[in-house]
Amino acid sequence: MEYCQSGDLARIIQQRKATNLRLTENEVMQWFVQVALALKYTHSRRILHRDIKASNVYLSAGNCIKLGDFGVSKALQGTLESALTIIGTPYYMSPEVYKGNSYTLKSDIWGLGCFLYELCSFTVNFSYLPLASIYS
């Protein structure tokens, strides 16, 4: 992977939040679509990322997004296979992962939605709730 000069999006969000400067709609959509396309490619290879979040999305020159940190990803054998391991960042976990149920590629789509929410609001989903009550 090439060097990502601008760092990760979590750092950019923190910087913008500190200066009270929101991301533009164009920035949000450009980055969101690139992450969605990276996830589409990953899923076409039957790889479940399992930790989609701003700190795992890197920005290189020219606002080009790179999806990273595949350390907890899982390669699925078939299109109907599911995973059962509880892994990932709690605020981005889909309800089925948090509850310990089996899950599929759709779980990454939940994380993608949480990522979009964070880009727009500069906060993580459900950050106002204690973790234990998020998915009860």
N, C-alpha and C. Protein backbone atom coordinates (compact mmCIF):
# COMPACT_ATOMS: atom_id res chain seq x y z
N MET A 1 0.85 -1.17 0.00
CA MET A 1 0.00 0.00 0.00
C MET A 1 0.90 1.24 0.00
N GLU A 2 0.55 2.19 -0.83
CA GLU A 2 1.36 3.40 -0.88
C GLU A 2 1.14 4.27 0.36
N TYR A 3 2.00 5.22 0.53
CA TYR A 3 1.95 6.12 1.67
C TYR A 3 0.73 7.03 1.56
N CYS A 4 -0.04 7.15 2.62
CA CYS A 4 -1.23 8.01 2.64
C CYS A 4 -0.89 9.29 3.40
N GLN A 5 -0.52 10.30 2.66
CA GLN A 5 -0.01 11.55 3.20
C GLN A 5 -0.96 12.24 4.17
N SER A 6 -2.25 12.14 3.94
CA SER A 6 -3.22 12.87 4.76
C SER A 6 -3.67 12.10 5.99
N GLY A 7 -3.16 10.90 6.19
CA GLY A 7 -3.52 10.12 7.38
C GLY A 7 -4.88 9.48 7.26
N ASP A 8 -5.48 9.17 8.41
CA ASP A 8 -6.79 8.51 8.39
C ASP A 8 -7.90 9.54 8.57
N LEU A 9 -9.12 9.13 8.24
CA LEU A 9 -10.25 10.05 8.32
C LEU A 9 -10.63 10.39 9.75
N ALA A 10 -10.30 9.54 10.71
CA ALA A 10 -10.58 9.85 12.11
C ALA A 10 -9.80 11.10 12.52
N ARG A 11 -8.56 11.21 12.08
CA ARG A 11 -7.75 12.39 12.38
C ARG A 11 -8.32 13.64 11.71
N ILE A 12 -8.77 13.50 10.48
CA ILE A 12 -9.37 14.63 9.77
C ILE A 12 -10.65 15.07 10.47
N ILE A 13 -11.46 14.10 10.91
CA ILE A 13 -12.69 14.43 11.63
C ILE A 13 -12.36 15.17 12.92
N GLN A 14 -11.36 14.70 13.66
CA GLN A 14 -10.95 15.37 14.90
C GLN A 14 -10.49 16.79 14.64
N GLN A 15 -9.70 17.00 13.60
CA GLN A 15 -9.22 18.33 13.26
C GLN A 15 -10.38 19.26 12.90
N ARG A 16 -11.29 18.76 12.09
CA ARG A 16 -12.43 19.58 11.67
C ARG A 16 -13.35 19.88 12.85
N LYS A 17 -13.54 18.90 13.71
CA LYS A 17 -14.39 19.09 14.90
C LYS A 17 -13.78 20.17 15.81
N ALA A 18 -12.47 20.14 15.98
CA ALA A 18 -11.78 21.12 16.84
C ALA A 18 -11.93 22.54 16.31
N THR A 19 -12.00 22.69 14.99
CA THR A 19 -12.14 24.01 14.39
C THR A 19 -13.59 24.34 14.04
N ASN A 20 -14.50 23.42 14.39
CA ASN A 20 -15.93 23.59 14.11
C ASN A 20 -16.19 23.81 12.61
N LEU A 21 -15.43 23.11 11.79
CA LEU A 21 -15.56 23.21 10.34
C LEU A 21 -16.08 21.88 9.80
N ARG A 22 -17.33 21.83 9.45
CA ARG A 22 -17.95 20.60 8.95
C ARG A 22 -17.39 20.18 7.61
N LEU A 23 -17.47 18.91 7.32
CA LEU A 23 -17.12 18.41 5.99
C LEU A 23 -18.20 18.87 5.03
N THR A 24 -17.81 19.16 3.81
CA THR A 24 -18.81 19.54 2.82
C THR A 24 -19.56 18.30 2.36
N GLU A 25 -20.72 18.50 1.78
CA GLU A 25 -21.48 17.37 1.25
C GLU A 25 -20.68 16.65 0.18
N ASN A 26 -19.94 17.41 -0.62
CA ASN A 26 -19.11 16.81 -1.67
C ASN A 26 -18.01 15.92 -1.06
N GLU A 27 -17.36 16.39 0.00
CA GLU A 27 -16.32 15.58 0.65
C GLU A 27 -16.92 14.30 1.22
N VAL A 28 -18.04 14.43 1.92
CA VAL A 28 -18.69 13.26 2.52
C VAL A 28 -19.05 12.25 1.45
N MET A 29 -19.70 12.71 0.38
CA MET A 29 -20.14 11.78 -0.66
C MET A 29 -18.96 11.17 -1.41
N GLN A 30 -17.94 11.97 -1.69
CA GLN A 30 -16.78 11.46 -2.40
C GLN A 30 -16.10 10.35 -1.58
N TRP A 31 -15.91 10.58 -0.30
CA TRP A 31 -15.25 9.59 0.55
C TRP A 31 -16.14 8.38 0.81
N PHE A 32 -17.42 8.62 1.06
CA PHE A 32 -18.35 7.53 1.31
C PHE A 32 -18.43 6.59 0.10
N VAL A 33 -18.57 7.15 -1.08
CA VAL A 33 -18.68 6.33 -2.30
C VAL A 33 -17.40 5.51 -2.51
N GLN A 34 -16.24 6.12 -2.27
CA GLN A 34 -14.98 5.39 -2.43
C GLN A 34 -14.89 4.22 -1.45
N VAL A 35 -15.32 4.44 -0.21
CA VAL A 35 -15.30 3.35 0.78
C VAL A 35 -16.30 2.27 0.37
N ALA A 36 -17.48 2.68 -0.10
CA ALA A 36 -18.49 1.72 -0.54
C ALA A 36 -17.96 0.88 -1.71
N LEU A 37 -17.25 1.51 -2.64
CA LEU A 37 -16.68 0.77 -3.77
C LEU A 37 -15.56 -0.16 -3.32
N ALA A 38 -14.75 0.29 -2.36
CA ALA A 38 -13.70 -0.59 -1.82
C ALA A 38 -14.32 -1.79 -1.13
N LEU A 39 -15.41 -1.57 -0.42
CA LEU A 39 -16.10 -2.65 0.26
C LEU A 39 -16.76 -3.59 -0.76
N LYS A 40 -17.29 -3.03 -1.83
CA LYS A 40 -17.88 -3.87 -2.89
C LYS A 40 -16.81 -4.79 -3.48
N TYR A 41 -15.63 -4.25 -3.72
CA TYR A 41 -14.54 -5.06 -4.25
C TYR A 41 -14.14 -6.14 -3.25
N THR A 42 -13.99 -5.74 -1.99
CA THR A 42 -13.63 -6.68 -0.93
C THR A 42 -14.65 -7.81 -0.84
N HIS A 43 -15.93 -7.45 -0.86
CA HIS A 43 -16.99 -8.45 -0.79
C HIS A 43 -17.02 -9.33 -2.04
N SER A 44 -16.66 -8.79 -3.20
CA SER A 44 -16.64 -9.61 -4.42
C SER A 44 -15.58 -10.71 -4.32
N ARG A 45 -14.62 -10.49 -3.44
CA ARG A 45 -13.57 -11.48 -3.18
C ARG A 45 -13.91 -12.35 -1.96
N ARG A 46 -15.16 -12.21 -1.49
CA ARG A 46 -15.70 -12.94 -0.33
C ARG A 46 -14.86 -12.69 0.94
N ILE A 47 -14.46 -11.44 1.12
CA ILE A 47 -13.72 -11.06 2.32
C ILE A 47 -14.60 -10.14 3.16
N LEU A 48 -14.77 -10.51 4.40
CA LEU A 48 -15.55 -9.75 5.37
C LEU A 48 -14.56 -8.89 6.14
N HIS A 49 -14.67 -7.57 6.05
CA HIS A 49 -13.70 -6.66 6.68
C HIS A 49 -13.83 -6.68 8.20
N ARG A 50 -15.02 -6.52 8.72
CA ARG A 50 -15.39 -6.61 10.14
C ARG A 50 -14.95 -5.44 11.00
N ASP A 51 -14.37 -4.38 10.44
CA ASP A 51 -14.00 -3.24 11.27
C ASP A 51 -13.97 -1.95 10.45
N ILE A 52 -15.09 -1.66 9.78
CA ILE A 52 -15.21 -0.43 8.99
C ILE A 52 -15.40 0.72 9.96
N LYS A 53 -14.47 1.67 9.94
CA LYS A 53 -14.54 2.87 10.77
C LYS A 53 -13.57 3.90 10.22
N ALA A 54 -13.73 5.15 10.65
CA ALA A 54 -12.94 6.25 10.10
C ALA A 54 -11.44 6.05 10.31
N SER A 55 -11.04 5.45 11.40
CA SER A 55 -9.61 5.27 11.64
C SER A 55 -9.00 4.16 10.78
N ASN A 56 -9.82 3.42 10.05
CA ASN A 56 -9.33 2.39 9.13
C ASN A 56 -9.47 2.81 7.67
N VAL A 57 -9.80 4.08 7.46
CA VAL A 57 -9.93 4.63 6.12
C VAL A 57 -8.85 5.70 5.97
N TYR A 58 -7.97 5.52 4.98
CA TYR A 58 -6.82 6.39 4.81
C TYR A 58 -6.98 7.25 3.56
N LEU A 59 -6.42 8.45 3.62
CA LEU A 59 -6.55 9.41 2.54
C LEU A 59 -5.17 9.67 1.93
N SER A 60 -5.04 9.36 0.65
CA SER A 60 -3.77 9.61 -0.04
C SER A 60 -3.89 10.89 -0.87
N ALA A 61 -2.90 11.14 -1.68
CA ALA A 61 -2.89 12.34 -2.51
C ALA A 61 -4.13 12.37 -3.41
N GLY A 62 -4.64 13.56 -3.63
CA GLY A 62 -5.79 13.71 -4.52
C GLY A 62 -7.09 13.21 -3.95
N ASN A 63 -7.20 13.17 -2.61
CA ASN A 63 -8.42 12.71 -1.94
C ASN A 63 -8.81 11.28 -2.32
N CYS A 64 -7.84 10.45 -2.56
CA CYS A 64 -8.08 9.05 -2.90
C CYS A 64 -8.12 8.22 -1.61
N ILE A 65 -9.20 7.50 -1.42
CA ILE A 65 -9.42 6.70 -0.21
C ILE A 65 -8.80 5.32 -0.35
N LYS A 66 -8.22 4.86 0.74
CA LYS A 66 -7.69 3.49 0.83
C LYS A 66 -8.28 2.85 2.08
N LEU A 67 -8.96 1.73 1.90
CA LEU A 67 -9.51 0.98 3.02
C LEU A 67 -8.41 0.09 3.57
N GLY A 68 -8.16 0.19 4.87
CA GLY A 68 -7.06 -0.56 5.45
C GLY A 68 -7.45 -1.35 6.68
N ASP A 69 -6.46 -1.86 7.35
CA ASP A 69 -6.57 -2.66 8.56
C ASP A 69 -7.46 -3.88 8.35
N PHE A 70 -6.93 -4.81 7.62
CA PHE A 70 -7.63 -6.07 7.38
C PHE A 70 -7.21 -7.13 8.40
N GLY A 71 -6.68 -6.67 9.53
CA GLY A 71 -6.18 -7.58 10.55
C GLY A 71 -7.24 -8.48 11.17
N VAL A 72 -8.49 -8.03 11.19
CA VAL A 72 -9.56 -8.86 11.76
C VAL A 72 -10.53 -9.35 10.68
N SER A 73 -10.14 -9.18 9.41
CA SER A 73 -11.02 -9.62 8.32
C SER A 73 -11.08 -11.13 8.25
N LYS A 74 -12.07 -11.63 7.52
CA LYS A 74 -12.25 -13.08 7.38
C LYS A 74 -12.60 -13.39 5.94
N ALA A 75 -11.91 -14.35 5.38
CA ALA A 75 -12.23 -14.82 4.04
C ALA A 75 -13.31 -15.88 4.16
N LEU A 76 -14.43 -15.67 3.48
CA LEU A 76 -15.53 -16.63 3.50
C LEU A 76 -15.35 -17.62 2.36
N GLN A 77 -15.73 -18.86 2.59
CA GLN A 77 -15.56 -19.90 1.58
C GLN A 77 -16.59 -19.80 0.46
N GLY A 78 -17.81 -19.46 0.80
CA GLY A 78 -18.87 -19.37 -0.19
C GLY A 78 -19.72 -18.13 0.03
N THR A 79 -20.61 -17.87 -0.89
CA THR A 79 -21.43 -16.66 -0.81
C THR A 79 -22.46 -16.73 0.32
N LEU A 80 -22.81 -17.91 0.76
CA LEU A 80 -23.80 -18.07 1.81
C LEU A 80 -23.19 -18.33 3.18
N GLU A 81 -21.86 -18.39 3.26
CA GLU A 81 -21.20 -18.65 4.53
C GLU A 81 -21.36 -17.44 5.46
N SER A 82 -21.38 -17.72 6.74
CA SER A 82 -21.45 -16.65 7.73
C SER A 82 -20.33 -16.85 8.74
N ALA A 83 -20.11 -15.80 9.54
CA ALA A 83 -19.08 -15.85 10.58
C ALA A 83 -19.76 -15.78 11.94
N LEU A 84 -19.05 -16.16 12.98
CA LEU A 84 -19.64 -16.18 14.32
C LEU A 84 -18.79 -15.45 15.36
N THR A 85 -17.55 -15.16 15.06
CA THR A 85 -16.64 -14.54 16.02
C THR A 85 -17.07 -13.11 16.34
N ILE A 86 -17.07 -12.76 17.62
CA ILE A 86 -17.36 -11.38 18.02
C ILE A 86 -16.06 -10.61 17.95
N ILE A 87 -15.95 -9.75 16.93
CA ILE A 87 -14.71 -9.01 16.71
C ILE A 87 -15.04 -7.68 16.03
N GLY A 88 -14.24 -6.67 16.32
CA GLY A 88 -14.46 -5.35 15.73
C GLY A 88 -14.56 -4.30 16.82
N THR A 89 -14.92 -3.09 16.43
CA THR A 89 -15.06 -1.98 17.36
C THR A 89 -16.53 -1.88 17.77
N PRO A 90 -16.84 -1.92 19.07
CA PRO A 90 -18.22 -2.02 19.53
C PRO A 90 -19.20 -1.01 18.91
N TYR A 91 -18.84 0.26 18.80
CA TYR A 91 -19.79 1.24 18.27
C TYR A 91 -20.11 1.03 16.79
N TYR A 92 -19.35 0.21 16.10
CA TYR A 92 -19.55 -0.04 14.68
C TYR A 92 -20.09 -1.44 14.40
N MET A 93 -20.22 -2.24 15.44
CA MET A 93 -20.69 -3.62 15.28
C MET A 93 -22.17 -3.66 14.95
N SER A 94 -22.51 -4.54 14.04
CA SER A 94 -23.93 -4.75 13.73
C SER A 94 -24.59 -5.48 14.90
N PRO A 95 -25.90 -5.38 15.03
CA PRO A 95 -26.60 -6.04 16.15
C PRO A 95 -26.32 -7.53 16.23
N GLU A 96 -26.24 -8.22 15.08
CA GLU A 96 -26.02 -9.67 15.11
C GLU A 96 -24.63 -10.01 15.65
N VAL A 97 -23.62 -9.19 15.33
CA VAL A 97 -22.28 -9.43 15.85
C VAL A 97 -22.27 -9.20 17.36
N TYR A 98 -22.85 -8.09 17.78
CA TYR A 98 -22.85 -7.74 19.19
C TYR A 98 -23.56 -8.78 20.04
N LYS A 99 -24.62 -9.37 19.48
CA LYS A 99 -25.38 -10.38 20.21
C LYS A 99 -24.75 -11.77 20.15
N GLY A 100 -23.68 -11.91 19.36
CA GLY A 100 -23.01 -13.19 19.26
C GLY A 100 -23.66 -14.14 18.26
N ASN A 101 -24.52 -13.63 17.40
CA ASN A 101 -25.16 -14.45 16.36
C ASN A 101 -24.26 -14.52 15.13
N SER A 102 -24.56 -15.44 14.23
CA SER A 102 -23.79 -15.51 12.99
C SER A 102 -24.12 -14.28 12.14
N TYR A 103 -23.19 -13.90 11.28
CA TYR A 103 -23.38 -12.72 10.44
C TYR A 103 -22.70 -12.92 9.09
N THR A 104 -23.08 -12.10 8.13
CA THR A 104 -22.57 -12.21 6.77
C THR A 104 -21.96 -10.88 6.34
N LEU A 105 -21.75 -10.72 5.05
CA LEU A 105 -21.20 -9.49 4.50
C LEU A 105 -22.06 -8.27 4.84
N LYS A 106 -23.33 -8.49 5.10
CA LYS A 106 -24.23 -7.39 5.44
C LYS A 106 -23.79 -6.66 6.70
N SER A 107 -23.06 -7.33 7.54
CA SER A 107 -22.56 -6.72 8.76
C SER A 107 -21.62 -5.55 8.44
N ASP A 108 -20.84 -5.69 7.38
CA ASP A 108 -19.97 -4.59 6.95
C ASP A 108 -20.79 -3.39 6.47
N ILE A 109 -21.95 -3.65 5.89
CA ILE A 109 -22.81 -2.56 5.42
C ILE A 109 -23.31 -1.75 6.62
N TRP A 110 -23.59 -2.41 7.73
CA TRP A 110 -23.94 -1.71 8.97
C TRP A 110 -22.80 -0.77 9.36
N GLY A 111 -21.58 -1.29 9.35
CA GLY A 111 -20.40 -0.49 9.68
C GLY A 111 -20.23 0.69 8.73
N LEU A 112 -20.56 0.47 7.45
CA LEU A 112 -20.49 1.53 6.45
C LEU A 112 -21.48 2.65 6.79
N GLY A 113 -22.67 2.26 7.24
CA GLY A 113 -23.66 3.25 7.66
C GLY A 113 -23.19 4.03 8.88
N CYS A 114 -22.57 3.35 9.82
CA CYS A 114 -22.01 4.01 11.01
C CYS A 114 -20.90 4.98 10.61
N PHE A 115 -20.10 4.58 9.63
CA PHE A 115 -19.04 5.44 9.10
C PHE A 115 -19.63 6.71 8.48
N LEU A 116 -20.69 6.56 7.69
CA LEU A 116 -21.34 7.71 7.08
C LEU A 116 -21.90 8.66 8.14
N TYR A 117 -22.52 8.09 9.16
CA TYR A 117 -23.04 8.90 10.26
C TYR A 117 -21.93 9.71 10.92
N GLU A 118 -20.79 9.07 11.13
CA GLU A 118 -19.66 9.75 11.76
C GLU A 118 -19.12 10.87 10.88
N LEU A 119 -19.07 10.66 9.57
CA LEU A 119 -18.62 11.72 8.66
C LEU A 119 -19.53 12.94 8.75
N CYS A 120 -20.83 12.70 8.89
CA CYS A 120 -21.80 13.80 8.89
C CYS A 120 -21.93 14.48 10.25
N SER A 121 -21.78 13.74 11.33
CA SER A 121 -22.06 14.28 12.67
C SER A 121 -20.83 14.50 13.54
N PHE A 122 -19.70 13.93 13.15
CA PHE A 122 -18.46 13.98 13.94
C PHE A 122 -18.60 13.25 15.28
N THR A 123 -19.55 12.37 15.40
CA THR A 123 -19.70 11.52 16.58
C THR A 123 -19.98 10.10 16.10
N VAL A 124 -19.72 9.13 16.97
CA VAL A 124 -20.02 7.75 16.60
C VAL A 124 -21.47 7.45 16.95
N ASN A 125 -22.04 6.51 16.22
CA ASN A 125 -23.42 6.08 16.48
C ASN A 125 -23.58 5.62 17.93
N PHE A 126 -24.66 5.97 18.52
CA PHE A 126 -25.02 5.49 19.85
C PHE A 126 -24.01 5.87 20.93
N SER A 127 -23.19 6.89 20.70
CA SER A 127 -22.17 7.26 21.67
C SER A 127 -22.78 7.78 22.97
N TYR A 128 -24.05 8.13 22.94
CA TYR A 128 -24.74 8.63 24.13
C TYR A 128 -25.25 7.50 25.01
N LEU A 129 -25.19 6.27 24.55
CA LEU A 129 -25.69 5.12 25.31
C LEU A 129 -24.54 4.30 25.87
N PRO A 130 -24.72 3.68 27.04
CA PRO A 130 -23.71 2.72 27.50
C PRO A 130 -23.70 1.53 26.54
N LEU A 131 -22.55 0.98 26.27
CA LEU A 131 -22.44 -0.13 25.32
C LEU A 131 -23.38 -1.29 25.62
N ALA A 132 -23.57 -1.59 26.87
CA ALA A 132 -24.39 -2.75 27.24
C ALA A 132 -25.83 -2.59 26.78
N SER A 133 -26.31 -1.36 26.62
CA SER A 133 -27.72 -1.19 26.25
C SER A 133 -27.91 -0.92 24.76
N ILE A 134 -26.85 -0.85 23.99
CA ILE A 134 -26.99 -0.51 22.58
C ILE A 134 -27.86 -1.52 21.83
N TYR A 135 -27.60 -2.77 22.01
CA TYR A 135 -28.28 -3.79 21.21
C TYR A 135 -29.17 -4.70 22.04
N SER A 136 -29.58 -4.25 23.20
CA SER A 136 -30.44 -5.13 24.02
C SER A 136 -31.87 -5.07 23.57
